[in-house]
Amino acid sequence: MVKKELASAIKKVAFLTGQFKLRSGKISSFYWDKYRFESDPKLLSAIIDFAVQLLPNSFDKFCGMELGGIPLATALSLRTGKPCLFVRKKAKDYGTCNLVEGGFVKGETVVVVEDVITTAGQVVTSINELRKLGLVVKDVVCVIDREEGGREKLAEIGCSLASVFKMSELEQA
């Protein structure tokens, strides 16, 4: 699938209009329902085809952010053979009490995987926690960058953002 076709397909199934409260607390007149494209095997596979091209040359593992980043990280792991970790918004309070699920060693370099980035607030919080655990984080990959400050916020903490689509590209679809 060519990128323009993928943009149209994602917009058709996942672009909702109305009034939505975003994780950042902002109110938006539109919403990208990522579960609608992540749960479609044809769309997910096409998204991963483009996401693979955005990956840095060297890293150890993927870190999928709860919840939307997890299917993306899993699909990237299956496609590339690199292992992945699953990052909770907060550590669970039972069992192992882990914030990060899956085995890792301090000093490993991870690529954070997210679905949609608006202001990157939760992603920045999670990256700071990953770094406290000893993981090296320099790169974030997402499907949609809403172009509302997330890229700049990530740059402030020394991370680059690569997106399959920017909002401006999807608006043209």
N, C-alpha and C. Protein backbone atom coordinates (compact mmCIF):
# COMPACT_ATOMS: atom_id res chain seq x y z
N MET A 1 0.85 -1.17 0.00
CA MET A 1 0.00 0.00 0.00
C MET A 1 0.90 1.24 0.00
N VAL A 2 0.61 2.19 -0.86
CA VAL A 2 1.39 3.42 -0.87
C VAL A 2 0.92 4.32 0.27
N LYS A 3 1.77 5.24 0.66
CA LYS A 3 1.51 6.04 1.85
C LYS A 3 0.22 6.85 1.74
N LYS A 4 -0.05 7.39 0.58
CA LYS A 4 -1.26 8.20 0.40
C LYS A 4 -2.52 7.35 0.59
N GLU A 5 -2.49 6.12 0.09
CA GLU A 5 -3.62 5.20 0.27
C GLU A 5 -3.79 4.84 1.75
N LEU A 6 -2.66 4.62 2.43
CA LEU A 6 -2.72 4.30 3.85
C LEU A 6 -3.30 5.46 4.64
N ALA A 7 -2.89 6.68 4.31
CA ALA A 7 -3.43 7.87 4.99
C ALA A 7 -4.95 7.93 4.82
N SER A 8 -5.42 7.72 3.62
CA SER A 8 -6.87 7.75 3.37
C SER A 8 -7.59 6.64 4.13
N ALA A 9 -7.00 5.46 4.16
CA ALA A 9 -7.62 4.32 4.86
C ALA A 9 -7.69 4.58 6.37
N ILE A 10 -6.60 5.11 6.93
CA ILE A 10 -6.60 5.42 8.37
C ILE A 10 -7.63 6.48 8.68
N LYS A 11 -7.66 7.52 7.87
CA LYS A 11 -8.62 8.61 8.09
C LYS A 11 -10.05 8.09 8.02
N LYS A 12 -10.32 7.22 7.06
CA LYS A 12 -11.67 6.68 6.88
C LYS A 12 -12.15 5.90 8.10
N VAL A 13 -11.27 5.09 8.70
CA VAL A 13 -11.71 4.24 9.81
C VAL A 13 -11.49 4.87 11.19
N ALA A 14 -10.54 5.80 11.33
CA ALA A 14 -10.14 6.22 12.67
C ALA A 14 -10.34 7.70 13.00
N PHE A 15 -10.69 8.52 12.03
CA PHE A 15 -10.85 9.95 12.27
C PHE A 15 -12.28 10.23 12.70
N LEU A 16 -12.45 10.68 13.93
CA LEU A 16 -13.77 10.97 14.48
C LEU A 16 -13.89 12.46 14.75
N THR A 17 -15.07 13.00 14.54
CA THR A 17 -15.32 14.41 14.86
C THR A 17 -16.36 14.50 15.96
N GLY A 18 -16.29 15.58 16.70
CA GLY A 18 -17.18 15.80 17.84
C GLY A 18 -16.42 16.61 18.87
N GLN A 19 -16.65 16.32 20.13
CA GLN A 19 -15.91 16.97 21.21
C GLN A 19 -15.26 15.89 22.05
N PHE A 20 -13.92 15.95 22.13
CA PHE A 20 -13.16 14.91 22.82
C PHE A 20 -12.16 15.54 23.78
N LYS A 21 -12.08 14.95 24.97
CA LYS A 21 -11.04 15.35 25.91
C LYS A 21 -9.84 14.46 25.67
N LEU A 22 -8.68 15.07 25.41
CA LEU A 22 -7.46 14.32 25.17
C LEU A 22 -6.75 14.04 26.48
N ARG A 23 -5.78 13.13 26.46
CA ARG A 23 -5.02 12.80 27.67
C ARG A 23 -4.38 14.03 28.28
N SER A 24 -3.98 14.97 27.42
CA SER A 24 -3.34 16.20 27.88
C SER A 24 -4.31 17.10 28.63
N GLY A 25 -5.61 16.79 28.54
CA GLY A 25 -6.63 17.64 29.15
C GLY A 25 -7.24 18.62 28.16
N LYS A 26 -6.60 18.77 27.00
CA LYS A 26 -7.12 19.65 25.97
C LYS A 26 -8.42 19.09 25.41
N ILE A 27 -9.29 20.00 24.97
CA ILE A 27 -10.51 19.60 24.28
C ILE A 27 -10.26 19.75 22.79
N SER A 28 -10.64 18.73 22.03
CA SER A 28 -10.41 18.73 20.59
C SER A 28 -11.71 18.45 19.85
N SER A 29 -11.83 19.02 18.67
CA SER A 29 -13.01 18.77 17.83
C SER A 29 -12.85 17.51 16.98
N PHE A 30 -11.69 16.85 17.11
CA PHE A 30 -11.48 15.60 16.38
C PHE A 30 -10.64 14.66 17.22
N TYR A 31 -10.70 13.39 16.87
CA TYR A 31 -9.99 12.36 17.63
C TYR A 31 -9.56 11.26 16.68
N TRP A 32 -8.33 10.78 16.87
CA TRP A 32 -7.84 9.63 16.12
C TRP A 32 -8.02 8.40 16.99
N ASP A 33 -8.99 7.56 16.67
CA ASP A 33 -9.24 6.34 17.43
C ASP A 33 -8.29 5.25 16.93
N LYS A 34 -7.12 5.23 17.57
CA LYS A 34 -6.03 4.35 17.13
C LYS A 34 -6.40 2.87 17.19
N TYR A 35 -7.32 2.51 18.05
CA TYR A 35 -7.69 1.09 18.15
C TYR A 35 -8.38 0.63 16.87
N ARG A 36 -8.96 1.55 16.13
CA ARG A 36 -9.61 1.19 14.87
C ARG A 36 -8.60 0.85 13.78
N PHE A 37 -7.41 1.45 13.81
CA PHE A 37 -6.41 1.05 12.82
C PHE A 37 -5.47 -0.02 13.37
N GLU A 38 -5.27 -0.05 14.68
CA GLU A 38 -4.39 -1.07 15.26
C GLU A 38 -5.03 -2.45 15.27
N SER A 39 -6.36 -2.50 15.29
CA SER A 39 -7.05 -3.80 15.36
C SER A 39 -7.34 -4.37 13.98
N ASP A 40 -7.04 -3.61 12.93
CA ASP A 40 -7.24 -4.07 11.56
C ASP A 40 -5.91 -4.62 11.04
N PRO A 41 -5.81 -5.94 10.81
CA PRO A 41 -4.51 -6.51 10.43
C PRO A 41 -3.92 -5.93 9.15
N LYS A 42 -4.75 -5.60 8.18
CA LYS A 42 -4.24 -5.03 6.93
C LYS A 42 -3.65 -3.64 7.18
N LEU A 43 -4.35 -2.81 7.93
CA LEU A 43 -3.85 -1.46 8.22
C LEU A 43 -2.63 -1.52 9.13
N LEU A 44 -2.68 -2.36 10.15
CA LEU A 44 -1.55 -2.47 11.07
C LEU A 44 -0.30 -2.92 10.32
N SER A 45 -0.44 -3.88 9.45
CA SER A 45 0.71 -4.37 8.68
C SER A 45 1.28 -3.26 7.78
N ALA A 46 0.41 -2.50 7.15
CA ALA A 46 0.87 -1.40 6.30
C ALA A 46 1.56 -0.31 7.12
N ILE A 47 1.01 0.00 8.28
CA ILE A 47 1.62 0.99 9.18
C ILE A 47 3.03 0.53 9.57
N ILE A 48 3.16 -0.74 9.92
CA ILE A 48 4.46 -1.28 10.33
C ILE A 48 5.46 -1.24 9.18
N ASP A 49 4.99 -1.46 7.95
CA ASP A 49 5.88 -1.34 6.78
C ASP A 49 6.56 0.03 6.75
N PHE A 50 5.81 1.07 7.05
CA PHE A 50 6.37 2.43 7.05
C PHE A 50 7.16 2.72 8.33
N ALA A 51 6.67 2.22 9.46
CA ALA A 51 7.35 2.47 10.74
C ALA A 51 8.75 1.86 10.76
N VAL A 52 8.92 0.70 10.16
CA VAL A 52 10.22 0.03 10.13
C VAL A 52 11.27 0.94 9.47
N GLN A 53 10.86 1.71 8.50
CA GLN A 53 11.78 2.61 7.79
C GLN A 53 12.24 3.77 8.66
N LEU A 54 11.55 4.02 9.76
CA LEU A 54 11.87 5.15 10.65
C LEU A 54 12.81 4.77 11.80
N LEU A 55 13.10 3.50 11.93
CA LEU A 55 13.88 3.04 13.08
C LEU A 55 15.34 3.46 12.97
N PRO A 56 15.96 3.74 14.12
CA PRO A 56 17.40 4.04 14.10
C PRO A 56 18.19 2.80 13.73
N ASN A 57 19.42 3.00 13.33
CA ASN A 57 20.27 1.88 12.89
C ASN A 57 20.59 0.91 14.01
N SER A 58 20.73 1.42 15.23
CA SER A 58 21.17 0.57 16.32
C SER A 58 20.33 0.80 17.57
N PHE A 59 19.78 -0.27 18.10
CA PHE A 59 19.04 -0.25 19.37
C PHE A 59 18.84 -1.70 19.80
N ASP A 60 18.44 -1.88 21.06
CA ASP A 60 18.29 -3.23 21.59
C ASP A 60 16.85 -3.74 21.61
N LYS A 61 15.92 -2.86 22.00
CA LYS A 61 14.54 -3.30 22.18
C LYS A 61 13.57 -2.17 21.87
N PHE A 62 12.32 -2.57 21.68
CA PHE A 62 11.22 -1.62 21.57
C PHE A 62 10.57 -1.48 22.94
N CYS A 63 10.02 -0.31 23.23
CA CYS A 63 9.22 -0.09 24.43
C CYS A 63 7.85 0.40 24.00
N GLY A 64 6.86 -0.47 24.10
CA GLY A 64 5.49 -0.10 23.75
C GLY A 64 4.81 0.56 24.93
N MET A 65 4.27 1.75 24.71
CA MET A 65 3.57 2.48 25.76
C MET A 65 2.15 1.94 25.91
N GLU A 66 1.73 1.78 27.17
CA GLU A 66 0.36 1.33 27.46
C GLU A 66 -0.63 2.35 26.91
N LEU A 67 -1.59 2.02 26.26
CA LEU A 67 -2.04 0.74 25.75
C LEU A 67 -1.82 0.68 24.23
N GLY A 68 -1.96 1.81 23.58
CA GLY A 68 -1.89 1.84 22.12
C GLY A 68 -0.53 1.50 21.54
N GLY A 69 0.55 1.74 22.27
CA GLY A 69 1.88 1.44 21.76
C GLY A 69 2.22 -0.04 21.82
N ILE A 70 1.48 -0.80 22.60
CA ILE A 70 1.80 -2.22 22.78
C ILE A 70 1.58 -3.04 21.50
N PRO A 71 0.43 -2.93 20.82
CA PRO A 71 0.31 -3.71 19.58
C PRO A 71 1.31 -3.27 18.51
N LEU A 72 1.64 -1.99 18.49
CA LEU A 72 2.62 -1.49 17.52
C LEU A 72 4.01 -2.05 17.81
N ALA A 73 4.42 -2.01 19.08
CA ALA A 73 5.73 -2.56 19.46
C ALA A 73 5.79 -4.05 19.20
N THR A 74 4.71 -4.75 19.47
CA THR A 74 4.66 -6.19 19.22
C THR A 74 4.80 -6.48 17.73
N ALA A 75 4.09 -5.73 16.90
CA ALA A 75 4.17 -5.93 15.46
C ALA A 75 5.57 -5.60 14.94
N LEU A 76 6.18 -4.53 15.45
CA LEU A 76 7.55 -4.19 15.07
C LEU A 76 8.52 -5.28 15.50
N SER A 77 8.30 -5.83 16.68
CA SER A 77 9.15 -6.91 17.17
C SER A 77 9.05 -8.13 16.27
N LEU A 78 7.85 -8.49 15.90
CA LEU A 78 7.65 -9.62 15.01
C LEU A 78 8.30 -9.38 13.65
N ARG A 79 8.21 -8.15 13.15
CA ARG A 79 8.75 -7.83 11.82
C ARG A 79 10.27 -7.78 11.83
N THR A 80 10.87 -7.27 12.92
CA THR A 80 12.32 -7.04 12.93
C THR A 80 13.11 -8.11 13.68
N GLY A 81 12.45 -8.86 14.55
CA GLY A 81 13.15 -9.83 15.38
C GLY A 81 13.74 -9.23 16.64
N LYS A 82 13.53 -7.93 16.86
CA LYS A 82 14.01 -7.27 18.10
C LYS A 82 12.97 -7.49 19.20
N PRO A 83 13.41 -7.76 20.42
CA PRO A 83 12.46 -7.94 21.52
C PRO A 83 11.78 -6.63 21.90
N CYS A 84 10.70 -6.76 22.65
CA CYS A 84 10.03 -5.55 23.10
C CYS A 84 9.67 -5.63 24.59
N LEU A 85 9.49 -4.45 25.13
CA LEU A 85 9.06 -4.26 26.51
C LEU A 85 7.72 -3.57 26.49
N PHE A 86 6.95 -3.71 27.56
CA PHE A 86 5.66 -3.05 27.67
C PHE A 86 5.71 -2.14 28.89
N VAL A 87 5.40 -0.86 28.67
CA VAL A 87 5.54 0.16 29.71
C VAL A 87 4.17 0.60 30.20
N ARG A 88 3.95 0.43 31.49
CA ARG A 88 2.70 0.87 32.11
C ARG A 88 2.74 2.36 32.40
N LYS A 89 1.57 2.97 32.55
CA LYS A 89 1.52 4.38 32.94
C LYS A 89 2.01 4.55 34.37
N LYS A 90 1.74 3.55 35.18
CA LYS A 90 2.28 3.53 36.54
C LYS A 90 2.51 2.08 36.93
N ALA A 91 3.46 1.87 37.82
CA ALA A 91 3.80 0.50 38.23
C ALA A 91 2.59 -0.17 38.86
N LYS A 92 2.42 -1.44 38.55
CA LYS A 92 1.30 -2.15 39.17
C LYS A 92 1.60 -2.34 40.66
N ASP A 93 0.56 -2.49 41.44
CA ASP A 93 0.74 -2.58 42.90
C ASP A 93 0.56 -4.00 43.42
N TYR A 94 0.80 -4.97 42.57
CA TYR A 94 0.70 -6.37 42.97
C TYR A 94 1.74 -7.18 42.21
N GLY A 95 1.93 -8.42 42.59
CA GLY A 95 2.89 -9.29 41.90
C GLY A 95 4.29 -8.71 41.93
N THR A 96 4.85 -8.51 40.77
CA THR A 96 6.22 -8.00 40.67
C THR A 96 6.31 -6.48 40.85
N CYS A 97 5.16 -5.81 40.81
CA CYS A 97 5.09 -4.34 40.95
C CYS A 97 5.92 -3.62 39.88
N ASN A 98 5.98 -4.17 38.70
CA ASN A 98 6.78 -3.60 37.62
C ASN A 98 6.10 -2.43 36.92
N LEU A 99 6.91 -1.48 36.52
CA LEU A 99 6.49 -0.43 35.60
C LEU A 99 6.71 -0.91 34.17
N VAL A 100 7.80 -1.66 33.98
CA VAL A 100 8.18 -2.17 32.66
C VAL A 100 8.10 -3.69 32.69
N GLU A 101 7.31 -4.23 31.78
CA GLU A 101 7.15 -5.69 31.69
C GLU A 101 8.05 -6.23 30.59
N GLY A 102 8.70 -7.34 30.88
CA GLY A 102 9.66 -7.94 29.95
C GLY A 102 11.05 -7.73 30.52
N GLY A 103 11.95 -8.58 30.20
CA GLY A 103 13.29 -8.49 30.77
C GLY A 103 14.16 -7.47 30.06
N PHE A 104 14.96 -6.78 30.86
CA PHE A 104 15.92 -5.83 30.29
C PHE A 104 17.13 -5.74 31.21
N VAL A 105 18.19 -5.18 30.65
CA VAL A 105 19.43 -4.98 31.38
C VAL A 105 19.74 -3.49 31.33
N LYS A 106 20.19 -2.94 32.46
CA LYS A 106 20.58 -1.53 32.47
C LYS A 106 21.59 -1.27 31.36
N GLY A 107 21.43 -0.14 30.72
CA GLY A 107 22.33 0.24 29.64
C GLY A 107 21.81 -0.11 28.25
N GLU A 108 20.74 -0.91 28.17
CA GLU A 108 20.18 -1.23 26.86
C GLU A 108 19.52 0.02 26.26
N THR A 109 19.62 0.13 24.94
CA THR A 109 19.00 1.23 24.21
C THR A 109 17.65 0.78 23.69
N VAL A 110 16.62 1.59 23.96
CA VAL A 110 15.27 1.24 23.55
C VAL A 110 14.69 2.33 22.66
N VAL A 111 13.79 1.92 21.77
CA VAL A 111 13.00 2.84 20.97
C VAL A 111 11.60 2.83 21.54
N VAL A 112 11.13 3.98 21.96
CA VAL A 112 9.78 4.10 22.50
C VAL A 112 8.79 4.14 21.34
N VAL A 113 7.72 3.35 21.46
CA VAL A 113 6.71 3.25 20.41
C VAL A 113 5.37 3.71 20.98
N GLU A 114 4.75 4.65 20.28
CA GLU A 114 3.47 5.20 20.70
C GLU A 114 2.55 5.30 19.49
N ASP A 115 1.27 5.40 19.73
CA ASP A 115 0.30 5.48 18.65
C ASP A 115 0.15 6.92 18.16
N VAL A 116 -0.42 7.77 19.00
CA VAL A 116 -0.66 9.17 18.64
C VAL A 116 0.04 10.06 19.66
N ILE A 117 0.75 11.06 19.17
CA ILE A 117 1.42 12.01 20.07
C ILE A 117 0.83 13.39 19.87
N THR A 118 0.38 13.98 20.97
CA THR A 118 -0.15 15.34 20.94
C THR A 118 0.87 16.24 21.61
N THR A 119 0.86 16.29 22.93
CA THR A 119 1.83 17.10 23.67
C THR A 119 2.99 16.27 24.21
N ALA A 120 2.88 14.96 24.13
CA ALA A 120 3.90 14.00 24.60
C ALA A 120 4.06 13.99 26.12
N GLY A 121 3.10 14.50 26.84
CA GLY A 121 3.20 14.55 28.30
C GLY A 121 3.46 13.20 28.95
N GLN A 122 2.63 12.20 28.65
CA GLN A 122 2.81 10.89 29.25
C GLN A 122 4.07 10.22 28.74
N VAL A 123 4.40 10.43 27.47
CA VAL A 123 5.60 9.81 26.91
C VAL A 123 6.85 10.36 27.60
N VAL A 124 6.89 11.67 27.82
CA VAL A 124 8.03 12.28 28.53
C VAL A 124 8.13 11.71 29.94
N THR A 125 7.01 11.61 30.63
CA THR A 125 7.02 11.03 31.99
C THR A 125 7.56 9.61 31.95
N SER A 126 7.09 8.81 31.00
CA SER A 126 7.54 7.42 30.90
C SER A 126 9.01 7.33 30.54
N ILE A 127 9.48 8.17 29.64
CA ILE A 127 10.90 8.16 29.26
C ILE A 127 11.76 8.49 30.48
N ASN A 128 11.36 9.45 31.26
CA ASN A 128 12.12 9.79 32.47
C ASN A 128 12.18 8.60 33.42
N GLU A 129 11.09 7.86 33.55
CA GLU A 129 11.07 6.66 34.40
C GLU A 129 11.96 5.56 33.81
N LEU A 130 11.91 5.38 32.49
CA LEU A 130 12.76 4.37 31.85
C LEU A 130 14.24 4.70 32.08
N ARG A 131 14.58 5.96 31.99
CA ARG A 131 15.96 6.37 32.22
C ARG A 131 16.38 6.13 33.67
N LYS A 132 15.47 6.34 34.62
CA LYS A 132 15.78 6.06 36.02
C LYS A 132 16.06 4.57 36.23
N LEU A 133 15.43 3.73 35.42
CA LEU A 133 15.65 2.28 35.51
C LEU A 133 16.94 1.86 34.80
N GLY A 134 17.62 2.80 34.15
CA GLY A 134 18.89 2.50 33.50
C GLY A 134 18.83 2.25 32.01
N LEU A 135 17.67 2.45 31.40
CA LEU A 135 17.55 2.28 29.96
C LEU A 135 17.95 3.57 29.25
N VAL A 136 18.50 3.43 28.06
CA VAL A 136 18.91 4.56 27.24
C VAL A 136 17.80 4.82 26.22
N VAL A 137 17.27 6.04 26.23
CA VAL A 137 16.17 6.40 25.32
C VAL A 137 16.55 7.65 24.56
N LYS A 138 16.61 7.53 23.24
CA LYS A 138 16.92 8.67 22.38
C LYS A 138 15.89 8.85 21.27
N ASP A 139 15.15 7.78 20.97
CA ASP A 139 14.26 7.79 19.81
C ASP A 139 12.84 7.38 20.18
N VAL A 140 11.88 8.10 19.60
CA VAL A 140 10.47 7.78 19.75
C VAL A 140 9.89 7.66 18.35
N VAL A 141 9.10 6.61 18.14
CA VAL A 141 8.41 6.40 16.87
C VAL A 141 6.92 6.34 17.16
N CYS A 142 6.14 7.06 16.36
CA CYS A 142 4.69 7.01 16.52
C CYS A 142 4.02 6.90 15.15
N VAL A 143 2.72 6.63 15.16
CA VAL A 143 1.97 6.57 13.91
C VAL A 143 1.55 7.98 13.51
N ILE A 144 0.96 8.72 14.45
CA ILE A 144 0.44 10.06 14.14
C ILE A 144 1.01 11.09 15.10
N ASP A 145 1.64 12.10 14.55
CA ASP A 145 2.07 13.29 15.30
C ASP A 145 1.04 14.37 15.03
N ARG A 146 0.26 14.71 16.06
CA ARG A 146 -0.79 15.73 15.90
C ARG A 146 -0.20 17.13 15.73
N GLU A 147 1.11 17.25 15.84
CA GLU A 147 1.81 18.53 15.65
C GLU A 147 1.29 19.62 16.61
N GLU A 148 1.19 19.21 17.89
CA GLU A 148 0.73 20.13 18.92
C GLU A 148 1.75 20.27 20.05
N GLY A 149 3.03 20.19 19.69
CA GLY A 149 4.08 20.43 20.67
C GLY A 149 4.82 19.21 21.17
N GLY A 150 4.37 18.03 20.83
CA GLY A 150 5.02 16.81 21.31
C GLY A 150 6.45 16.67 20.84
N ARG A 151 6.70 16.96 19.58
CA ARG A 151 8.06 16.85 19.01
C ARG A 151 9.02 17.75 19.78
N GLU A 152 8.58 18.97 20.05
CA GLU A 152 9.43 19.93 20.75
C GLU A 152 9.66 19.51 22.20
N LYS A 153 8.61 19.00 22.84
CA LYS A 153 8.75 18.55 24.22
C LYS A 153 9.72 17.37 24.33
N LEU A 154 9.68 16.48 23.36
CA LEU A 154 10.61 15.35 23.35
C LEU A 154 12.04 15.84 23.09
N ALA A 155 12.20 16.81 22.21
CA ALA A 155 13.53 17.36 21.93
C ALA A 155 14.14 17.97 23.19
N GLU A 156 13.31 18.56 24.04
CA GLU A 156 13.80 19.16 25.29
C GLU A 156 14.46 18.13 26.20
N ILE A 157 14.06 16.86 26.09
CA ILE A 157 14.67 15.82 26.93
C ILE A 157 15.65 14.96 26.12
N GLY A 158 16.03 15.45 24.95
CA GLY A 158 17.04 14.77 24.16
C GLY A 158 16.56 13.61 23.32
N CYS A 159 15.29 13.63 22.94
CA CYS A 159 14.74 12.55 22.11
C CYS A 159 14.26 13.09 20.77
N SER A 160 14.44 12.28 19.74
CA SER A 160 13.89 12.62 18.43
C SER A 160 12.55 11.91 18.27
N LEU A 161 11.68 12.49 17.44
CA LEU A 161 10.39 11.87 17.14
C LEU A 161 10.31 11.62 15.65
N ALA A 162 10.04 10.38 15.29
CA ALA A 162 9.78 10.01 13.90
C ALA A 162 8.34 9.51 13.83
N SER A 163 7.57 10.04 12.89
CA SER A 163 6.18 9.64 12.78
C SER A 163 5.88 9.12 11.38
N VAL A 164 5.01 8.13 11.32
CA VAL A 164 4.56 7.64 10.03
C VAL A 164 3.80 8.76 9.33
N PHE A 165 2.96 9.47 10.08
CA PHE A 165 2.19 10.60 9.55
C PHE A 165 2.24 11.78 10.49
N LYS A 166 2.30 12.96 9.91
CA LYS A 166 2.06 14.20 10.64
C LYS A 166 0.61 14.58 10.37
N MET A 167 0.02 15.31 11.29
CA MET A 167 -1.37 15.71 11.15
C MET A 167 -1.58 16.42 9.82
N SER A 168 -0.65 17.26 9.43
CA SER A 168 -0.79 18.01 8.18
C SER A 168 -0.89 17.07 6.98
N GLU A 169 -0.22 15.93 7.01
CA GLU A 169 -0.31 14.95 5.93
C GLU A 169 -1.68 14.29 5.90
N LEU A 170 -2.21 13.97 7.07
CA LEU A 170 -3.50 13.30 7.14
C LEU A 170 -4.64 14.24 6.76
N GLU A 171 -4.47 15.52 7.04
CA GLU A 171 -5.51 16.49 6.66
C GLU A 171 -5.66 16.55 5.14
N GLN A 172 -4.59 16.26 4.42
CA GLN A 172 -4.63 16.30 2.96
C GLN A 172 -5.21 15.02 2.36
N ALA A 173 -5.36 13.98 3.17
CA ALA A 173 -5.85 12.69 2.65
C ALA A 173 -7.34 12.77 2.33
